[in-house]
Amino acid sequence: AAMTMVQSEREFHPGVMPQADLRFLRIMLGLQIALGLLWGVSMLFFARQIVLGPPDGPHIEKIAMEGAAHMMLVFGALLVWRAPQRARDVLLLMIFLNGLWTLTDLVYIPLLGLSEIDFYAKVVVNAFLAIGLALSGRRAGLL
């Protein structure tokens, strides 16, 4: 009966999503914003302090570029939050980038012999964000 009400609500007001459908999506977007700001700011502005090797060289720029990508995800999450019906492609891009980071880390962490717990935490968080954004986007009817 509840599903029928949601369907009839969408048919009666096309383009308007019920709040219940957006709640899970907004929780995931909030997590993306919070974690994206945390990682983005730390990587953009403190790359020299968080680098594993010498605090100079091209790897500093790579860390800063990853920070910039996190800030792009924050911006994307804000766009989806503001107008979910118009932001399907932005949401797909966010899911793809989080999934790609997960895959990349799963390849390079063992390859480089990295053992710090924060690397593994980042894998779990990125996988969680990719899956959570996909599921919440589907529930909201965007995917």
Protein backbone atom coordinates (compact mmCIF):
# COMPACT_ATOMS: atom_id res chain seq x y z
CA ALA A 1 0.00 0.00 0.00
CA ALA A 2 2.85 2.38 0.86
CA MET A 3 4.54 1.70 -2.49
CA THR A 4 1.29 2.47 -4.30
CA MET A 5 1.05 5.79 -2.43
CA VAL A 6 4.63 6.68 -3.44
CA GLN A 7 3.90 5.78 -7.07
CA SER A 8 0.65 7.74 -7.10
CA GLU A 9 2.42 10.71 -5.43
CA ARG A 10 5.02 10.69 -8.21
CA GLU A 11 2.32 10.44 -10.88
CA PHE A 12 0.29 13.24 -9.29
CA HIS A 13 3.33 15.54 -8.88
CA PRO A 14 5.87 14.55 -11.58
CA GLY A 15 9.42 15.61 -10.76
CA VAL A 16 8.70 15.84 -7.02
CA MET A 17 10.17 13.16 -4.80
CA PRO A 18 8.69 12.25 -1.44
CA GLN A 19 10.91 13.15 1.54
CA ALA A 20 11.21 9.50 2.60
CA ASP A 21 12.90 8.68 -0.70
CA LEU A 22 15.44 11.48 -0.22
CA ARG A 23 16.33 10.82 3.44
CA PHE A 24 18.80 7.96 2.74
CA LEU A 25 20.30 9.87 -0.19
CA ARG A 26 20.79 13.00 1.92
CA ILE A 27 22.47 10.98 4.68
CA MET A 28 24.92 9.57 2.12
CA LEU A 29 25.48 13.01 0.59
CA GLY A 30 26.13 14.43 4.06
CA LEU A 31 28.74 11.75 4.69
CA GLN A 32 30.33 12.49 1.31
CA ILE A 33 30.47 16.20 2.16
CA ALA A 34 31.92 15.69 5.64
CA LEU A 35 34.53 13.12 4.60
CA GLY A 36 35.31 14.97 1.38
CA LEU A 37 36.01 18.16 3.30
CA LEU A 38 38.17 16.29 5.81
CA TRP A 39 40.25 14.52 3.16
CA GLY A 40 40.17 17.37 0.65
CA VAL A 41 41.40 20.05 3.02
CA SER A 42 44.05 17.79 4.56
CA MET A 43 45.38 16.68 1.16
CA LEU A 44 45.20 20.10 -0.48
CA PHE A 45 46.79 22.09 2.30
CA PHE A 46 48.82 19.59 4.32
CA ALA A 47 50.27 17.29 1.63
CA ARG A 48 53.84 17.86 2.90
CA GLN A 49 52.88 16.72 6.40
CA ILE A 50 51.00 13.57 5.35
CA VAL A 51 53.38 12.30 2.67
CA LEU A 52 55.10 8.97 3.42
CA GLY A 53 58.42 9.84 1.75
CA PRO A 54 60.48 13.00 1.53
CA PRO A 55 58.33 16.14 1.89
CA ASP A 56 59.09 17.39 -1.64
CA GLY A 57 58.81 16.14 -5.19
CA PRO A 58 56.05 15.23 -7.62
CA HIS A 59 54.22 12.95 -5.16
CA ILE A 60 53.23 16.08 -3.18
CA GLU A 61 51.37 17.35 -6.24
CA LYS A 62 49.62 13.99 -6.65
CA ILE A 63 48.37 14.16 -3.05
CA ALA A 64 47.14 17.72 -3.62
CA MET A 65 45.36 16.65 -6.84
CA GLU A 66 43.60 13.88 -4.92
CA GLY A 67 42.55 16.52 -2.40
CA ALA A 68 41.14 18.59 -5.24
CA ALA A 69 39.18 15.54 -6.45
CA HIS A 70 37.70 15.15 -2.96
CA MET A 71 36.61 18.79 -3.10
CA MET A 72 34.98 18.05 -6.47
CA LEU A 73 32.99 15.29 -4.77
CA VAL A 74 31.88 17.77 -2.11
CA PHE A 75 30.69 20.14 -4.84
CA GLY A 76 28.93 17.26 -6.60
CA ALA A 77 27.18 16.24 -3.38
CA LEU A 78 25.95 19.82 -2.93
CA LEU A 79 24.59 19.84 -6.50
CA VAL A 80 22.75 16.55 -5.97
CA TRP A 81 21.39 17.80 -2.62
CA ARG A 82 20.01 21.00 -4.17
CA ALA A 83 18.32 19.44 -7.20
CA PRO A 84 18.31 15.64 -7.08
CA GLN A 85 15.97 15.26 -10.05
CA ARG A 86 18.45 17.13 -12.29
CA ALA A 87 21.67 15.63 -10.90
CA ARG A 88 21.56 11.96 -11.96
CA ASP A 89 24.79 12.24 -13.98
CA VAL A 90 26.58 14.00 -11.13
CA LEU A 91 25.55 11.18 -8.78
CA LEU A 92 26.83 8.58 -11.28
CA LEU A 93 30.16 10.41 -11.44
CA MET A 94 30.40 10.41 -7.63
CA ILE A 95 29.67 6.67 -7.47
CA PHE A 96 32.23 5.99 -10.19
CA LEU A 97 35.00 8.03 -8.54
CA ASN A 98 34.45 6.46 -5.10
CA GLY A 99 34.43 3.00 -6.68
CA LEU A 100 37.54 3.76 -8.72
CA TRP A 101 39.40 4.92 -5.60
CA THR A 102 38.40 1.71 -3.87
CA LEU A 103 39.72 -0.41 -6.73
CA THR A 104 42.91 1.65 -7.06
CA ASP A 105 43.64 1.38 -3.33
CA LEU A 106 42.95 -2.36 -3.35
CA VAL A 107 45.58 -2.72 -6.08
CA TYR A 108 48.22 -0.32 -4.80
CA ILE A 109 48.12 -0.87 -1.03
CA PRO A 110 49.43 -4.44 -1.31
CA LEU A 111 51.60 -3.64 -4.34
CA LEU A 112 53.47 -0.93 -2.43
CA GLY A 113 53.42 -2.83 0.86
CA LEU A 114 51.55 -0.10 2.70
CA SER A 115 50.47 -1.16 6.17
CA GLU A 116 49.10 1.96 7.90
CA ILE A 117 45.54 1.50 9.10
CA ASP A 118 44.36 4.75 7.51
CA PHE A 119 44.93 3.30 4.02
CA TYR A 120 42.61 0.40 4.77
CA ALA A 121 40.08 2.72 6.44
CA LYS A 122 40.01 4.81 3.25
CA VAL A 123 39.28 1.68 1.17
CA VAL A 124 36.36 0.77 3.43
CA VAL A 125 34.99 4.33 3.47
CA ASN A 126 35.26 4.78 -0.31
CA ALA A 127 33.56 1.42 -0.92
CA PHE A 128 30.86 2.35 1.59
CA LEU A 129 30.29 5.70 -0.13
CA ALA A 130 30.14 4.15 -3.62
CA ILE A 131 27.67 1.45 -2.54
CA GLY A 132 25.67 3.78 -0.29
CA LEU A 133 25.33 6.46 -2.96
CA ALA A 134 24.26 3.84 -5.51
CA LEU A 135 21.65 2.29 -3.21
CA SER A 136 20.32 5.62 -1.99
CA GLY A 137 20.21 7.01 -5.53
CA ARG A 138 18.24 3.96 -6.62
CA ARG A 139 15.85 4.30 -3.70
CA ALA A 140 15.32 7.97 -4.57
CA GLY A 141 14.49 6.94 -8.13
CA LEU A 142 17.52 8.62 -9.69
CA LEU A 143 19.27 5.45 -10.86
